[in-house]
């Protein structure tokens, strides 16, 4: 995941929680370069894998 502040791709997840009754995840991330914290919201996709 790219940092939205400095565009560095070296980030790590510091907290992960299910939201919307487990249909999505909210992750708190930390940029290793500039120290900024930001949140991502990730939704699960269902479907057949090719």
PDB file of N, CA and C in Angstrom:
ATOM      1  N   UNK A   1       0.850  -1.172   0.000  1.00  0.00           N
ATOM      2  CA  UNK A   1       0.000   0.000   0.000  1.00  0.00           C
ATOM      3  C   UNK A   1       0.896   1.235   0.000  1.00  0.00           C
ATOM      4  N   UNK A   2       0.577   2.171  -0.844  1.00  0.00           N
ATOM      5  CA  UNK A   2       1.345   3.411  -0.950  1.00  0.00           C
ATOM      6  C   UNK A   2       0.862   4.444   0.062  1.00  0.00           C
ATOM      7  N   UNK A   3       1.797   5.139   0.695  1.00  0.00           N
ATOM      8  CA  UNK A   3       1.458   6.207   1.635  1.00  0.00           C
ATOM      9  C   UNK A   3       0.844   7.377   0.856  1.00  0.00           C
ATOM     10  N   UNK A   4      -0.328   7.871   1.271  1.00  0.00           N
ATOM     11  CA  UNK A   4      -0.945   8.989   0.558  1.00  0.00           C
ATOM     12  C   UNK A   4      -0.237  10.325   0.793  1.00  0.00           C
ATOM     13  N   UNK A   5       0.679  10.374   1.744  1.00  0.00           N
ATOM     14  CA  UNK A   5       1.377  11.615   2.074  1.00  0.00           C
ATOM     15  C   UNK A   5       2.716  11.747   1.354  1.00  0.00           C
ATOM     16  N   UNK A   6       3.528  10.661   1.362  1.00  0.00           N
ATOM     17  CA  UNK A   6       4.862  10.750   0.748  1.00  0.00           C
ATOM     18  C   UNK A   6       5.049   9.791  -0.429  1.00  0.00           C
ATOM     19  N   UNK A   7       4.036   8.991  -0.745  1.00  0.00           N
ATOM     20  CA  UNK A   7       4.044   8.044  -1.866  1.00  0.00           C
ATOM     21  C   UNK A   7       5.001   6.861  -1.690  1.00  0.00           C
ATOM     22  N   UNK A   8       5.556   6.682  -0.498  1.00  0.00           N
ATOM     23  CA  UNK A   8       6.436   5.546  -0.235  1.00  0.00           C
ATOM     24  C   UNK A   8       5.596   4.271  -0.168  1.00  0.00           C
ATOM     25  N   UNK A   9       6.120   3.157  -0.676  1.00  0.00           N
ATOM     26  CA  UNK A   9       5.355   1.907  -0.669  1.00  0.00           C
ATOM     27  C   UNK A   9       5.692   1.017   0.522  1.00  0.00           C
ATOM     28  N   UNK A  10       6.544   1.477   1.426  1.00  0.00           N
ATOM     29  CA  UNK A  10       6.932   0.699   2.603  1.00  0.00           C
ATOM     30  C   UNK A  10       6.046   1.078   3.788  1.00  0.00           C
ATOM     31  N   UNK A  11       4.874   0.435   3.888  1.00  0.00           N
ATOM     32  CA  UNK A  11       3.947   0.684   4.991  1.00  0.00           C
ATOM     33  C   UNK A  11       3.663  -0.629   5.702  1.00  0.00           C
ATOM     34  N   UNK A  12       3.175  -0.521   6.932  1.00  0.00           N
ATOM     35  CA  UNK A  12       2.805  -1.739   7.656  1.00  0.00           C
ATOM     36  C   UNK A  12       1.469  -1.541   8.355  1.00  0.00           C
ATOM     37  N   UNK A  13       0.778  -2.641   8.591  1.00  0.00           N
ATOM     38  CA  UNK A  13      -0.517  -2.624   9.261  1.00  0.00           C
ATOM     39  C   UNK A  13      -0.281  -2.629  10.765  1.00  0.00           C
ATOM     40  N   UNK A  14      -0.877  -1.660  11.483  1.00  0.00           N
ATOM     41  CA  UNK A  14      -0.746  -1.608  12.938  1.00  0.00           C
ATOM     42  C   UNK A  14      -2.022  -2.055  13.648  1.00  0.00           C
ATOM     43  N   UNK A  15      -3.161  -2.058  12.940  1.00  0.00           N
ATOM     44  CA  UNK A  15      -4.422  -2.520  13.519  1.00  0.00           C
ATOM     45  C   UNK A  15      -5.353  -2.931  12.387  1.00  0.00           C
ATOM     46  N   UNK A  16      -6.084  -4.015  12.595  1.00  0.00           N
ATOM     47  CA  UNK A  16      -7.023  -4.505  11.591  1.00  0.00           C
ATOM     48  C   UNK A  16      -8.299  -4.945  12.298  1.00  0.00           C
ATOM     49  N   UNK A  17      -9.449  -4.422  11.834  1.00  0.00           N
ATOM     50  CA  UNK A  17     -10.730  -4.753  12.469  1.00  0.00           C
ATOM     51  C   UNK A  17     -11.795  -5.014  11.417  1.00  0.00           C
ATOM     52  N   UNK A  18     -12.627  -6.016  11.662  1.00  0.00           N
ATOM     53  CA  UNK A  18     -13.754  -6.243  10.742  1.00  0.00           C
ATOM     54  C   UNK A  18     -14.820  -5.167  10.932  1.00  0.00           C
ATOM     55  N   UNK A  19     -15.460  -4.780   9.845  1.00  0.00           N
ATOM     56  CA  UNK A  19     -16.570  -3.823   9.875  1.00  0.00           C
ATOM     57  C   UNK A  19     -17.690  -4.356   8.987  1.00  0.00           C
ATOM     58  N   UNK A  20     -18.843  -3.741   9.067  1.00  0.00           N
ATOM     59  CA  UNK A  20     -20.015  -4.132   8.268  1.00  0.00           C
ATOM     60  C   UNK A  20     -20.311  -5.620   8.412  1.00  0.00           C
ATOM     61  N   UNK A  21     -20.370  -6.088   9.654  1.00  0.00           N
ATOM     62  CA  UNK A  21     -20.684  -7.481   9.975  1.00  0.00           C
ATOM     63  C   UNK A  21     -19.726  -8.459   9.299  1.00  0.00           C
ATOM     64  N   UNK A  22     -18.463  -8.095   9.221  1.00  0.00           N
ATOM     65  CA  UNK A  22     -17.443  -8.970   8.660  1.00  0.00           C
ATOM     66  C   UNK A  22     -17.309  -8.919   7.151  1.00  0.00           C
ATOM     67  N   UNK A  23     -18.053  -8.050   6.489  1.00  0.00           N
ATOM     68  CA  UNK A  23     -18.001  -7.963   5.031  1.00  0.00           C
ATOM     69  C   UNK A  23     -16.831  -7.113   4.540  1.00  0.00           C
ATOM     70  N   UNK A  24     -16.149  -6.426   5.455  1.00  0.00           N
ATOM     71  CA  UNK A  24     -15.037  -5.556   5.077  1.00  0.00           C
ATOM     72  C   UNK A  24     -14.055  -5.452   6.238  1.00  0.00           C
ATOM     73  N   UNK A  25     -12.886  -4.876   5.957  1.00  0.00           N
ATOM     74  CA  UNK A  25     -11.858  -4.656   6.976  1.00  0.00           C
ATOM     75  C   UNK A  25     -11.478  -3.188   7.023  1.00  0.00           C
ATOM     76  N   UNK A  26     -11.215  -2.707   8.226  1.00  0.00           N
ATOM     77  CA  UNK A  26     -10.653  -1.368   8.407  1.00  0.00           C
ATOM     78  C   UNK A  26      -9.248  -1.584   8.934  1.00  0.00           C
ATOM     79  N   UNK A  27      -8.265  -1.066   8.220  1.00  0.00           N
ATOM     80  CA  UNK A  27      -6.875  -1.236   8.633  1.00  0.00           C
ATOM     81  C   UNK A  27      -6.222   0.105   8.889  1.00  0.00           C
ATOM     82  N   UNK A  28      -5.535   0.212  10.023  1.00  0.00           N
ATOM     83  CA  UNK A  28      -4.708   1.380  10.326  1.00  0.00           C
ATOM     84  C   UNK A  28      -3.307   1.030   9.869  1.00  0.00           C
ATOM     85  N   UNK A  29      -2.708   1.899   9.092  1.00  0.00           N
ATOM     86  CA  UNK A  29      -1.379   1.655   8.538  1.00  0.00           C
ATOM     87  C   UNK A  29      -0.418   2.747   8.971  1.00  0.00           C
ATOM     88  N   UNK A  30       0.858   2.383   8.997  1.00  0.00           N
ATOM     89  CA  UNK A  30       1.927   3.299   9.375  1.00  0.00           C
ATOM     90  C   UNK A  30       2.966   3.315   8.263  1.00  0.00           C
ATOM     91  N   UNK A  31       3.315   4.510   7.802  1.00  0.00           N
ATOM     92  CA  UNK A  31       4.359   4.657   6.791  1.00  0.00           C
ATOM     93  C   UNK A  31       5.715   4.593   7.484  1.00  0.00           C
ATOM     94  N   UNK A  32       6.568   3.701   7.024  1.00  0.00           N
ATOM     95  CA  UNK A  32       7.898   3.545   7.615  1.00  0.00           C
ATOM     96  C   UNK A  32       8.819   4.716   7.268  1.00  0.00           C
ATOM     97  N   UNK A  33       8.531   5.434   6.178  1.00  0.00           N
ATOM     98  CA  UNK A  33       9.400   6.531   5.752  1.00  0.00           C
ATOM     99  C   UNK A  33       9.095   7.843   6.477  1.00  0.00           C
ATOM    100  N   UNK A  34       7.820   8.270   6.460  1.00  0.00           N
ATOM    101  CA  UNK A  34       7.494   9.586   7.032  1.00  0.00           C
ATOM    102  C   UNK A  34       6.775   9.499   8.378  1.00  0.00           C
ATOM    103  N   UNK A  35       6.357   8.309   8.789  1.00  0.00           N
ATOM    104  CA  UNK A  35       5.708   8.137  10.083  1.00  0.00           C
ATOM    105  C   UNK A  35       4.224   8.475  10.102  1.00  0.00           C
ATOM    106  N   UNK A  36       3.652   8.790   8.947  1.00  0.00           N
ATOM    107  CA  UNK A  36       2.224   9.124   8.884  1.00  0.00           C
ATOM    108  C   UNK A  36       1.375   7.879   9.121  1.00  0.00           C
ATOM    109  N   UNK A  37       0.214   8.087   9.731  1.00  0.00           N
ATOM    110  CA  UNK A  37      -0.754   7.007   9.925  1.00  0.00           C
ATOM    111  C   UNK A  37      -1.973   7.307   9.065  1.00  0.00           C
ATOM    112  N   UNK A  38      -2.512   6.280   8.441  1.00  0.00           N
ATOM    113  CA  UNK A  38      -3.704   6.443   7.624  1.00  0.00           C
ATOM    114  C   UNK A  38      -4.537   5.172   7.681  1.00  0.00           C
ATOM    115  N   UNK A  39      -5.791   5.288   7.284  1.00  0.00           N
ATOM    116  CA  UNK A  39      -6.743   4.183   7.355  1.00  0.00           C
ATOM    117  C   UNK A  39      -7.140   3.751   5.954  1.00  0.00           C
ATOM    118  N   UNK A  40      -7.229   2.431   5.759  1.00  0.00           N
ATOM    119  CA  UNK A  40      -7.770   1.892   4.514  1.00  0.00           C
ATOM    120  C   UNK A  40      -9.008   1.078   4.851  1.00  0.00           C
ATOM    121  N   UNK A  41      -9.957   1.061   3.928  1.00  0.00           N
ATOM    122  CA  UNK A  41     -11.170   0.258   4.063  1.00  0.00           C
ATOM    123  C   UNK A  41     -11.154  -0.738   2.912  1.00  0.00           C
ATOM    124  N   UNK A  42     -11.153  -2.021   3.249  1.00  0.00           N
ATOM    125  CA  UNK A  42     -11.046  -3.068   2.236  1.00  0.00           C
ATOM    126  C   UNK A  42     -12.275  -3.958   2.291  1.00  0.00           C
ATOM    127  N   UNK A  43     -12.863  -4.200   1.127  1.00  0.00           N
ATOM    128  CA  UNK A  43     -14.076  -4.999   1.015  1.00  0.00           C
ATOM    129  C   UNK A  43     -13.750  -6.348   0.377  1.00  0.00           C
ATOM    130  N   UNK A  44     -14.365  -7.392   0.899  1.00  0.00           N
ATOM    131  CA  UNK A  44     -14.189  -8.721   0.320  1.00  0.00           C
ATOM    132  C   UNK A  44     -14.981  -8.818  -0.970  1.00  0.00           C
ATOM    133  N   UNK A  45     -14.418  -9.538  -1.944  1.00  0.00           N
ATOM    134  CA  UNK A  45     -15.122  -9.794  -3.192  1.00  0.00           C
ATOM    135  C   UNK A  45     -15.362 -11.287  -3.302  1.00  0.00           C
ATOM    136  N   UNK A  46     -16.569 -11.650  -3.645  1.00  0.00           N
ATOM    137  CA  UNK A  46     -16.847 -13.064  -3.859  1.00  0.00           C
ATOM    138  C   UNK A  46     -16.918 -13.319  -5.354  1.00  0.00           C
ATOM    139  N   UNK A  47     -16.606 -14.521  -5.721  1.00  0.00           N
ATOM    140  CA  UNK A  47     -16.636 -14.890  -7.126  1.00  0.00           C
ATOM    141  C   UNK A  47     -15.665 -16.018  -7.384  1.00  0.00           C
ATOM    142  N   UNK A  48     -15.789 -16.612  -8.521  1.00  0.00           N
ATOM    143  CA  UNK A  48     -14.938 -17.742  -8.881  1.00  0.00           C
ATOM    144  C   UNK A  48     -13.547 -17.257  -9.280  1.00  0.00           C
ATOM    145  N   UNK A  49     -12.551 -17.997  -8.849  1.00  0.00           N
ATOM    146  CA  UNK A  49     -11.181 -17.718  -9.260  1.00  0.00           C
ATOM    147  C   UNK A  49     -10.897 -18.444 -10.560  1.00  0.00           C
ATOM    148  N   UNK A  50     -10.147 -17.813 -11.421  1.00  0.00           N
ATOM    149  CA  UNK A  50      -9.835 -18.454 -12.703  1.00  0.00           C
ATOM    150  C   UNK A  50      -8.570 -19.246 -12.613  1.00  0.00           C
TER     151      UNK A  50
END
